[in-house]
Amino acid sequence: MPRRADTETSPQPEAPQDPALLRARDRMDAASHEAWPVKRLAELSDVTEAHFARSFRQAFGIPPHRYLLTRRIEQASTLLRDTEHPITEIAFATGWESLGTFGRTFHDITGKSPSALRREARATTQQLDRVPACLLKAAQRPDLVTAVSEKRRRLADGTNQPSIKEV
């Protein structure tokens, strides 16, 4: 009997066919600072919560909540690099309700504190001026294939492995 690929730990995203999923993702992108619980997204898509969560993960490779975290961290990183706004203002502007939660989650995902990322970005700004912005964004996109809690557990166990298997 052929061995089935392990889709539960590393789902392979499919091309999204459902316009409702694309519409929900676009709404999350346009207003990532807002709260987007699965219930709200499911209502927007006119499906059940379980169906929406399952379909979203299948289509995009990560659950809706992680997708939203990715967008918030991307936006916060951009604001930290490109503006002089205080970190607290950036945290609230990108949808975080607590500065502590923002700082902890930001560090867990990027491996740096918001202030450290800002310092490093300023130190390397001149070197990156020649690189197209689309390439920079792709390279700086946070890896949220593995949940933050799973990353913490792996670090505690000393088994911090890459979240995407290399072929």
N, C-alpha and C. Protein backbone atom coordinates (compact mmCIF):
# COMPACT_ATOMS: atom_id res chain seq x y z
N MET A 1 0.85 -1.19 0.00
CA MET A 1 0.00 0.00 0.00
C MET A 1 0.89 1.24 0.00
N PRO A 2 0.65 2.20 -0.89
CA PRO A 2 1.50 3.40 -0.94
C PRO A 2 1.32 4.23 0.32
N ARG A 3 2.41 4.83 0.73
CA ARG A 3 2.40 5.64 1.94
C ARG A 3 1.81 7.01 1.64
N ARG A 4 0.91 7.45 2.48
CA ARG A 4 0.24 8.72 2.32
C ARG A 4 1.13 9.85 2.84
N ALA A 5 1.17 10.94 2.13
CA ALA A 5 1.95 12.10 2.58
C ALA A 5 1.34 12.65 3.86
N ASP A 6 2.19 13.12 4.74
CA ASP A 6 1.72 13.65 6.01
C ASP A 6 1.22 15.08 5.81
N THR A 7 -0.08 15.22 5.56
CA THR A 7 -0.64 16.53 5.27
C THR A 7 -1.01 17.29 6.52
N GLU A 8 -1.07 16.62 7.67
CA GLU A 8 -1.46 17.33 8.88
C GLU A 8 -0.34 18.19 9.42
N THR A 9 0.91 17.79 9.28
CA THR A 9 2.01 18.58 9.83
C THR A 9 2.57 19.58 8.84
N SER A 10 2.49 19.28 7.56
CA SER A 10 2.98 20.24 6.58
C SER A 10 2.04 20.24 5.38
N PRO A 11 0.91 20.93 5.51
CA PRO A 11 -0.06 20.93 4.42
C PRO A 11 0.50 21.61 3.18
N GLN A 12 0.18 21.07 2.05
CA GLN A 12 0.59 21.66 0.79
C GLN A 12 -0.56 22.53 0.29
N PRO A 13 -0.35 23.84 0.19
CA PRO A 13 -1.44 24.70 -0.25
C PRO A 13 -1.84 24.39 -1.68
N GLU A 14 -3.14 24.45 -1.92
CA GLU A 14 -3.67 24.29 -3.25
C GLU A 14 -4.00 25.67 -3.79
N ALA A 15 -4.16 25.75 -5.09
CA ALA A 15 -4.57 27.03 -5.66
C ALA A 15 -6.00 27.29 -5.20
N PRO A 16 -6.24 28.44 -4.58
CA PRO A 16 -7.58 28.72 -4.08
C PRO A 16 -8.58 28.84 -5.23
N GLN A 17 -9.63 28.03 -5.17
CA GLN A 17 -10.65 28.03 -6.20
C GLN A 17 -11.88 28.80 -5.76
N ASP A 18 -12.10 28.86 -4.47
CA ASP A 18 -13.31 29.43 -3.93
C ASP A 18 -13.18 30.95 -3.82
N PRO A 19 -14.02 31.70 -4.55
CA PRO A 19 -13.95 33.16 -4.47
C PRO A 19 -14.23 33.68 -3.06
N ALA A 20 -15.02 32.94 -2.27
CA ALA A 20 -15.32 33.36 -0.91
C ALA A 20 -14.05 33.35 -0.06
N LEU A 21 -13.17 32.38 -0.27
CA LEU A 21 -11.90 32.33 0.46
C LEU A 21 -11.01 33.50 0.06
N LEU A 22 -10.97 33.78 -1.22
CA LEU A 22 -10.17 34.91 -1.70
C LEU A 22 -10.71 36.22 -1.16
N ARG A 23 -12.02 36.34 -1.12
CA ARG A 23 -12.65 37.55 -0.60
C ARG A 23 -12.32 37.72 0.89
N ALA A 24 -12.41 36.64 1.65
CA ALA A 24 -12.09 36.70 3.08
C ALA A 24 -10.62 37.06 3.28
N ARG A 25 -9.72 36.46 2.51
CA ARG A 25 -8.30 36.78 2.63
C ARG A 25 -8.03 38.24 2.27
N ASP A 26 -8.69 38.71 1.22
CA ASP A 26 -8.51 40.11 0.82
C ASP A 26 -9.01 41.06 1.90
N ARG A 27 -10.11 40.72 2.54
CA ARG A 27 -10.61 41.56 3.64
C ARG A 27 -9.63 41.58 4.79
N MET A 28 -9.04 40.42 5.11
CA MET A 28 -8.05 40.36 6.18
C MET A 28 -6.82 41.20 5.80
N ASP A 29 -6.41 41.14 4.55
CA ASP A 29 -5.26 41.93 4.10
C ASP A 29 -5.55 43.42 4.19
N ALA A 30 -6.74 43.81 3.77
CA ALA A 30 -7.09 45.23 3.74
C ALA A 30 -7.28 45.82 5.13
N ALA A 31 -7.69 45.00 6.08
CA ALA A 31 -7.96 45.51 7.43
C ALA A 31 -7.38 44.55 8.47
N SER A 32 -6.08 44.27 8.35
CA SER A 32 -5.47 43.31 9.27
C SER A 32 -5.39 43.82 10.70
N HIS A 33 -5.60 45.11 10.90
CA HIS A 33 -5.61 45.68 12.25
C HIS A 33 -6.91 45.34 12.98
N GLU A 34 -7.92 44.87 12.25
CA GLU A 34 -9.20 44.51 12.87
C GLU A 34 -9.16 43.08 13.39
N ALA A 35 -10.10 42.77 14.28
CA ALA A 35 -10.24 41.39 14.77
C ALA A 35 -10.93 40.57 13.69
N TRP A 36 -10.37 39.42 13.37
CA TRP A 36 -10.94 38.54 12.35
C TRP A 36 -11.12 37.13 12.90
N PRO A 37 -12.04 36.94 13.83
CA PRO A 37 -12.28 35.58 14.31
C PRO A 37 -12.85 34.72 13.18
N VAL A 38 -12.68 33.42 13.29
CA VAL A 38 -13.15 32.50 12.25
C VAL A 38 -14.65 32.67 12.04
N LYS A 39 -15.38 32.96 13.11
CA LYS A 39 -16.84 33.14 12.97
C LYS A 39 -17.15 34.27 12.00
N ARG A 40 -16.45 35.39 12.13
CA ARG A 40 -16.68 36.54 11.24
C ARG A 40 -16.30 36.19 9.80
N LEU A 41 -15.19 35.50 9.63
CA LEU A 41 -14.75 35.12 8.28
C LEU A 41 -15.71 34.12 7.65
N ALA A 42 -16.21 33.18 8.45
CA ALA A 42 -17.16 32.18 7.95
C ALA A 42 -18.46 32.85 7.52
N GLU A 43 -18.91 33.81 8.31
CA GLU A 43 -20.13 34.53 7.94
C GLU A 43 -19.92 35.30 6.64
N LEU A 44 -18.76 35.89 6.48
CA LEU A 44 -18.44 36.61 5.25
C LEU A 44 -18.46 35.67 4.05
N SER A 45 -18.03 34.43 4.26
CA SER A 45 -17.96 33.44 3.19
C SER A 45 -19.24 32.62 3.06
N ASP A 46 -20.16 32.81 4.01
CA ASP A 46 -21.44 32.09 4.01
C ASP A 46 -21.26 30.57 4.11
N VAL A 47 -20.35 30.16 5.02
CA VAL A 47 -20.13 28.73 5.30
C VAL A 47 -19.99 28.56 6.82
N THR A 48 -19.93 27.32 7.27
CA THR A 48 -19.74 27.08 8.70
C THR A 48 -18.31 27.41 9.10
N GLU A 49 -18.10 27.63 10.40
CA GLU A 49 -16.76 27.95 10.89
C GLU A 49 -15.77 26.83 10.60
N ALA A 50 -16.19 25.59 10.87
CA ALA A 50 -15.29 24.45 10.65
C ALA A 50 -14.93 24.32 9.17
N HIS A 51 -15.91 24.49 8.30
CA HIS A 51 -15.64 24.38 6.87
C HIS A 51 -14.70 25.49 6.42
N PHE A 52 -14.94 26.70 6.91
CA PHE A 52 -14.08 27.81 6.52
C PHE A 52 -12.64 27.57 6.97
N ALA A 53 -12.47 27.21 8.24
CA ALA A 53 -11.11 27.01 8.77
C ALA A 53 -10.38 25.90 8.00
N ARG A 54 -11.08 24.82 7.72
CA ARG A 54 -10.48 23.70 6.98
C ARG A 54 -10.14 24.11 5.55
N SER A 55 -11.07 24.79 4.89
CA SER A 55 -10.85 25.22 3.50
C SER A 55 -9.74 26.24 3.39
N PHE A 56 -9.68 27.17 4.33
CA PHE A 56 -8.64 28.19 4.31
C PHE A 56 -7.26 27.55 4.46
N ARG A 57 -7.15 26.65 5.40
CA ARG A 57 -5.86 25.98 5.61
C ARG A 57 -5.46 25.18 4.37
N GLN A 58 -6.42 24.52 3.79
CA GLN A 58 -6.13 23.73 2.60
C GLN A 58 -5.71 24.62 1.43
N ALA A 59 -6.36 25.76 1.29
CA ALA A 59 -6.06 26.65 0.16
C ALA A 59 -4.76 27.42 0.34
N PHE A 60 -4.47 27.88 1.57
CA PHE A 60 -3.34 28.77 1.77
C PHE A 60 -2.20 28.17 2.59
N GLY A 61 -2.39 26.97 3.12
CA GLY A 61 -1.30 26.29 3.81
C GLY A 61 -1.16 26.60 5.29
N ILE A 62 -1.89 27.58 5.79
CA ILE A 62 -1.86 27.91 7.21
C ILE A 62 -3.26 28.29 7.67
N PRO A 63 -3.54 28.16 8.95
CA PRO A 63 -4.86 28.55 9.46
C PRO A 63 -5.07 30.06 9.36
N PRO A 64 -6.32 30.51 9.37
CA PRO A 64 -6.59 31.95 9.24
C PRO A 64 -5.89 32.81 10.29
N HIS A 65 -5.84 32.35 11.53
CA HIS A 65 -5.22 33.14 12.59
C HIS A 65 -3.73 33.36 12.31
N ARG A 66 -3.03 32.33 11.86
CA ARG A 66 -1.60 32.49 11.54
C ARG A 66 -1.41 33.39 10.34
N TYR A 67 -2.32 33.30 9.39
CA TYR A 67 -2.23 34.19 8.22
C TYR A 67 -2.34 35.64 8.69
N LEU A 68 -3.29 35.91 9.58
CA LEU A 68 -3.47 37.26 10.09
C LEU A 68 -2.24 37.71 10.88
N LEU A 69 -1.68 36.83 11.69
CA LEU A 69 -0.45 37.18 12.42
C LEU A 69 0.68 37.52 11.46
N THR A 70 0.79 36.76 10.38
CA THR A 70 1.82 37.03 9.39
C THR A 70 1.68 38.44 8.83
N ARG A 71 0.47 38.80 8.46
CA ARG A 71 0.23 40.14 7.90
C ARG A 71 0.55 41.22 8.93
N ARG A 72 0.14 41.02 10.17
CA ARG A 72 0.39 42.03 11.21
C ARG A 72 1.89 42.21 11.46
N ILE A 73 2.61 41.10 11.51
CA ILE A 73 4.06 41.18 11.75
C ILE A 73 4.75 41.82 10.54
N GLU A 74 4.31 41.49 9.32
CA GLU A 74 4.87 42.12 8.12
C GLU A 74 4.67 43.63 8.17
N GLN A 75 3.45 44.05 8.49
CA GLN A 75 3.17 45.49 8.54
C GLN A 75 3.97 46.17 9.64
N ALA A 76 4.04 45.54 10.81
CA ALA A 76 4.80 46.12 11.91
C ALA A 76 6.28 46.23 11.54
N SER A 77 6.82 45.21 10.90
CA SER A 77 8.22 45.23 10.48
C SER A 77 8.48 46.37 9.50
N THR A 78 7.57 46.55 8.56
CA THR A 78 7.71 47.64 7.59
C THR A 78 7.68 48.99 8.29
N LEU A 79 6.74 49.17 9.21
CA LEU A 79 6.64 50.44 9.93
C LEU A 79 7.87 50.68 10.81
N LEU A 80 8.39 49.62 11.41
CA LEU A 80 9.59 49.77 12.25
C LEU A 80 10.79 50.20 11.40
N ARG A 81 10.90 49.64 10.19
CA ARG A 81 12.03 49.96 9.31
C ARG A 81 11.89 51.33 8.67
N ASP A 82 10.65 51.69 8.28
CA ASP A 82 10.47 52.84 7.41
C ASP A 82 9.94 54.11 8.08
N THR A 83 9.58 54.04 9.35
CA THR A 83 9.03 55.23 10.01
C THR A 83 9.74 55.48 11.34
N GLU A 84 9.44 56.61 11.89
CA GLU A 84 9.96 56.98 13.21
C GLU A 84 8.88 56.82 14.29
N HIS A 85 7.75 56.23 13.95
CA HIS A 85 6.66 56.08 14.91
C HIS A 85 7.13 55.28 16.12
N PRO A 86 6.64 55.61 17.31
CA PRO A 86 6.99 54.83 18.50
C PRO A 86 6.49 53.39 18.36
N ILE A 87 7.19 52.47 18.98
CA ILE A 87 6.83 51.06 18.90
C ILE A 87 5.42 50.82 19.43
N THR A 88 5.03 51.51 20.49
CA THR A 88 3.68 51.35 21.03
C THR A 88 2.64 51.73 19.99
N GLU A 89 2.86 52.83 19.31
CA GLU A 89 1.92 53.27 18.27
C GLU A 89 1.84 52.25 17.13
N ILE A 90 2.96 51.70 16.75
CA ILE A 90 2.99 50.67 15.69
C ILE A 90 2.23 49.43 16.14
N ALA A 91 2.42 49.02 17.37
CA ALA A 91 1.73 47.84 17.88
C ALA A 91 0.21 48.01 17.79
N PHE A 92 -0.28 49.13 18.26
CA PHE A 92 -1.73 49.35 18.24
C PHE A 92 -2.25 49.57 16.83
N ALA A 93 -1.47 50.22 15.98
CA ALA A 93 -1.89 50.47 14.60
C ALA A 93 -1.98 49.19 13.79
N THR A 94 -1.22 48.18 14.15
CA THR A 94 -1.25 46.92 13.41
C THR A 94 -2.16 45.87 14.04
N GLY A 95 -2.97 46.29 15.01
CA GLY A 95 -4.01 45.39 15.50
C GLY A 95 -3.75 44.70 16.82
N TRP A 96 -2.68 45.01 17.50
CA TRP A 96 -2.38 44.36 18.77
C TRP A 96 -3.07 45.14 19.89
N GLU A 97 -3.62 44.44 20.83
CA GLU A 97 -4.32 45.08 21.95
C GLU A 97 -3.40 45.30 23.14
N SER A 98 -2.24 44.67 23.12
CA SER A 98 -1.31 44.77 24.24
C SER A 98 0.11 44.89 23.70
N LEU A 99 0.86 45.83 24.25
CA LEU A 99 2.25 46.00 23.84
C LEU A 99 3.07 44.77 24.21
N GLY A 100 2.78 44.18 25.36
CA GLY A 100 3.50 42.98 25.79
C GLY A 100 3.28 41.80 24.85
N THR A 101 2.03 41.60 24.44
CA THR A 101 1.72 40.51 23.51
C THR A 101 2.40 40.76 22.17
N PHE A 102 2.36 42.00 21.72
CA PHE A 102 3.03 42.35 20.47
C PHE A 102 4.51 42.04 20.54
N GLY A 103 5.17 42.51 21.58
CA GLY A 103 6.62 42.31 21.71
C GLY A 103 7.00 40.84 21.80
N ARG A 104 6.25 40.09 22.60
CA ARG A 104 6.54 38.66 22.76
C ARG A 104 6.31 37.90 21.45
N THR A 105 5.18 38.15 20.80
CA THR A 105 4.87 37.45 19.55
C THR A 105 5.85 37.86 18.45
N PHE A 106 6.17 39.13 18.38
CA PHE A 106 7.13 39.62 17.38
C PHE A 106 8.47 38.92 17.57
N HIS A 107 8.93 38.84 18.80
CA HIS A 107 10.21 38.17 19.08
C HIS A 107 10.14 36.69 18.76
N ASP A 108 9.04 36.03 19.13
CA ASP A 108 8.89 34.60 18.86
C ASP A 108 8.93 34.30 17.36
N ILE A 109 8.35 35.19 16.56
CA ILE A 109 8.26 34.94 15.12
C ILE A 109 9.53 35.37 14.39
N THR A 110 10.05 36.54 14.72
CA THR A 110 11.20 37.06 13.98
C THR A 110 12.54 36.73 14.62
N GLY A 111 12.51 36.39 15.90
CA GLY A 111 13.75 36.13 16.62
C GLY A 111 14.41 37.39 17.14
N LYS A 112 13.75 38.54 16.95
CA LYS A 112 14.29 39.82 17.40
C LYS A 112 13.18 40.63 18.06
N SER A 113 13.58 41.50 18.95
CA SER A 113 12.60 42.42 19.52
C SER A 113 12.30 43.49 18.48
N PRO A 114 11.17 44.19 18.60
CA PRO A 114 10.88 45.26 17.65
C PRO A 114 11.99 46.33 17.61
N SER A 115 12.52 46.69 18.77
CA SER A 115 13.57 47.72 18.78
C SER A 115 14.85 47.20 18.14
N ALA A 116 15.17 45.92 18.33
CA ALA A 116 16.37 45.35 17.70
C ALA A 116 16.21 45.32 16.18
N LEU A 117 15.04 44.97 15.70
CA LEU A 117 14.80 44.96 14.26
C LEU A 117 14.96 46.37 13.70
N ARG A 118 14.44 47.35 14.41
CA ARG A 118 14.56 48.74 13.96
C ARG A 118 16.02 49.16 13.89
N ARG A 119 16.80 48.84 14.93
CA ARG A 119 18.23 49.21 14.93
C ARG A 119 18.96 48.54 13.77
N GLU A 120 18.75 47.24 13.57
CA GLU A 120 19.42 46.52 12.49
C GLU A 120 19.02 47.06 11.12
N ALA A 121 17.73 47.37 10.97
CA ALA A 121 17.25 47.88 9.69
C ALA A 121 17.91 49.21 9.35
N ARG A 122 18.06 50.04 10.34
CA ARG A 122 18.69 51.35 10.10
C ARG A 122 20.17 51.20 9.77
N ALA A 123 20.80 50.21 10.36
CA ALA A 123 22.22 49.99 10.12
C ALA A 123 22.47 49.47 8.70
N THR A 124 21.51 48.75 8.13
CA THR A 124 21.71 48.14 6.81
C THR A 124 20.91 48.82 5.70
N THR A 125 20.26 49.93 6.00
CA THR A 125 19.40 50.58 5.01
C THR A 125 20.14 50.92 3.73
N GLN A 126 21.32 51.48 3.83
CA GLN A 126 22.04 51.90 2.63
C GLN A 126 22.42 50.72 1.76
N GLN A 127 22.71 49.57 2.37
CA GLN A 127 23.09 48.40 1.60
C GLN A 127 21.92 47.84 0.80
N LEU A 128 20.69 48.01 1.31
CA LEU A 128 19.52 47.42 0.68
C LEU A 128 18.82 48.35 -0.30
N ASP A 129 19.31 49.56 -0.46
CA ASP A 129 18.66 50.52 -1.35
C ASP A 129 18.60 50.04 -2.80
N ARG A 130 19.48 49.17 -3.20
CA ARG A 130 19.52 48.69 -4.58
C ARG A 130 18.65 47.46 -4.83
N VAL A 131 18.14 46.85 -3.78
CA VAL A 131 17.33 45.63 -3.91
C VAL A 131 15.87 46.03 -4.11
N PRO A 132 15.18 45.43 -5.10
CA PRO A 132 13.76 45.76 -5.32
C PRO A 132 12.93 45.45 -4.07
N ALA A 133 11.96 46.31 -3.81
CA ALA A 133 11.12 46.18 -2.61
C ALA A 133 10.38 44.84 -2.56
N CYS A 134 9.93 44.33 -3.70
CA CYS A 134 9.19 43.06 -3.70
C CYS A 134 10.08 41.91 -3.22
N LEU A 135 11.36 41.94 -3.57
CA LEU A 135 12.28 40.89 -3.11
C LEU A 135 12.57 41.02 -1.62
N LEU A 136 12.69 42.26 -1.14
CA LEU A 136 12.91 42.47 0.28
C LEU A 136 11.73 41.96 1.10
N LYS A 137 10.52 42.27 0.66
CA LYS A 137 9.33 41.83 1.39
C LYS A 137 9.27 40.31 1.43
N ALA A 138 9.54 39.66 0.32
CA ALA A 138 9.49 38.20 0.29
C ALA A 138 10.54 37.60 1.22
N ALA A 139 11.71 38.18 1.25
CA ALA A 139 12.79 37.66 2.10
C ALA A 139 12.51 37.91 3.58
N GLN A 140 11.79 38.97 3.88
CA GLN A 140 11.55 39.34 5.27
C GLN A 140 10.22 38.82 5.80
N ARG A 141 9.47 38.07 4.98
CA ARG A 141 8.17 37.55 5.40
C ARG A 141 8.36 36.55 6.55
N PRO A 142 7.62 36.71 7.64
CA PRO A 142 7.78 35.80 8.77
C PRO A 142 7.30 34.39 8.45
N ASP A 143 7.95 33.40 9.05
CA ASP A 143 7.60 32.00 8.85
C ASP A 143 6.60 31.59 9.92
N LEU A 144 5.35 31.42 9.53
CA LEU A 144 4.33 31.02 10.49
C LEU A 144 3.71 29.69 10.11
N VAL A 145 4.46 28.84 9.43
CA VAL A 145 3.95 27.51 9.13
C VAL A 145 3.82 26.73 10.42
N THR A 146 4.75 26.94 11.34
CA THR A 146 4.71 26.30 12.64
C THR A 146 4.17 27.30 13.65
N ALA A 147 3.26 26.86 14.50
CA ALA A 147 2.68 27.74 15.51
C ALA A 147 3.75 28.23 16.47
N VAL A 148 3.54 29.41 17.01
CA VAL A 148 4.49 30.00 17.95
C VAL A 148 4.66 29.07 19.16
N SER A 149 3.57 28.49 19.65
CA SER A 149 3.67 27.59 20.80
C SER A 149 4.51 26.36 20.47
N GLU A 150 4.43 25.88 19.23
CA GLU A 150 5.24 24.74 18.81
C GLU A 150 6.71 25.14 18.75
N LYS A 151 7.02 26.35 18.29
CA LYS A 151 8.40 26.82 18.26
C LYS A 151 8.96 26.91 19.68
N ARG A 152 8.15 27.41 20.61
CA ARG A 152 8.60 27.50 22.00
C ARG A 152 8.88 26.11 22.57
N ARG A 153 8.00 25.14 22.27
CA ARG A 153 8.19 23.79 22.77
C ARG A 153 9.47 23.19 22.20
N ARG A 154 9.72 23.38 20.92
CA ARG A 154 10.93 22.85 20.30
C ARG A 154 12.18 23.46 20.91
N LEU A 155 12.14 24.77 21.15
CA LEU A 155 13.28 25.43 21.77
C LEU A 155 13.52 24.87 23.17
N ALA A 156 12.46 24.66 23.93
CA ALA A 156 12.58 24.13 25.28
C ALA A 156 13.13 22.70 25.26
N ASP A 157 12.72 21.93 24.26
CA ASP A 157 13.19 20.55 24.14
C ASP A 157 14.55 20.46 23.47
N GLY A 158 15.04 21.55 22.94
CA GLY A 158 16.31 21.53 22.23
C GLY A 158 16.22 20.86 20.87
N THR A 159 15.01 20.85 20.27
CA THR A 159 14.82 20.20 18.97
C THR A 159 14.28 21.17 17.95
N ASN A 160 14.83 22.35 17.90
CA ASN A 160 14.34 23.36 17.00
C ASN A 160 14.71 23.00 15.57
N GLN A 161 13.75 22.40 14.85
CA GLN A 161 13.95 21.96 13.48
C GLN A 161 13.24 22.91 12.54
N PRO A 162 13.65 22.97 11.28
CA PRO A 162 12.95 23.84 10.35
C PRO A 162 11.49 23.41 10.20
N SER A 163 10.62 24.40 10.00
CA SER A 163 9.19 24.10 9.92
C SER A 163 8.79 23.57 8.54
N ILE A 164 9.64 23.77 7.53
CA ILE A 164 9.33 23.27 6.20
C ILE A 164 10.38 22.23 5.83
N LYS A 165 9.90 21.05 5.46
CA LYS A 165 10.83 19.98 5.11
C LYS A 165 11.44 20.24 3.74
N GLU A 166 12.75 20.06 3.66
CA GLU A 166 13.42 20.22 2.37
C GLU A 166 13.33 18.92 1.60
N VAL A 167 13.14 19.03 0.31
CA VAL A 167 13.01 17.84 -0.53
C VAL A 167 14.31 17.51 -1.17
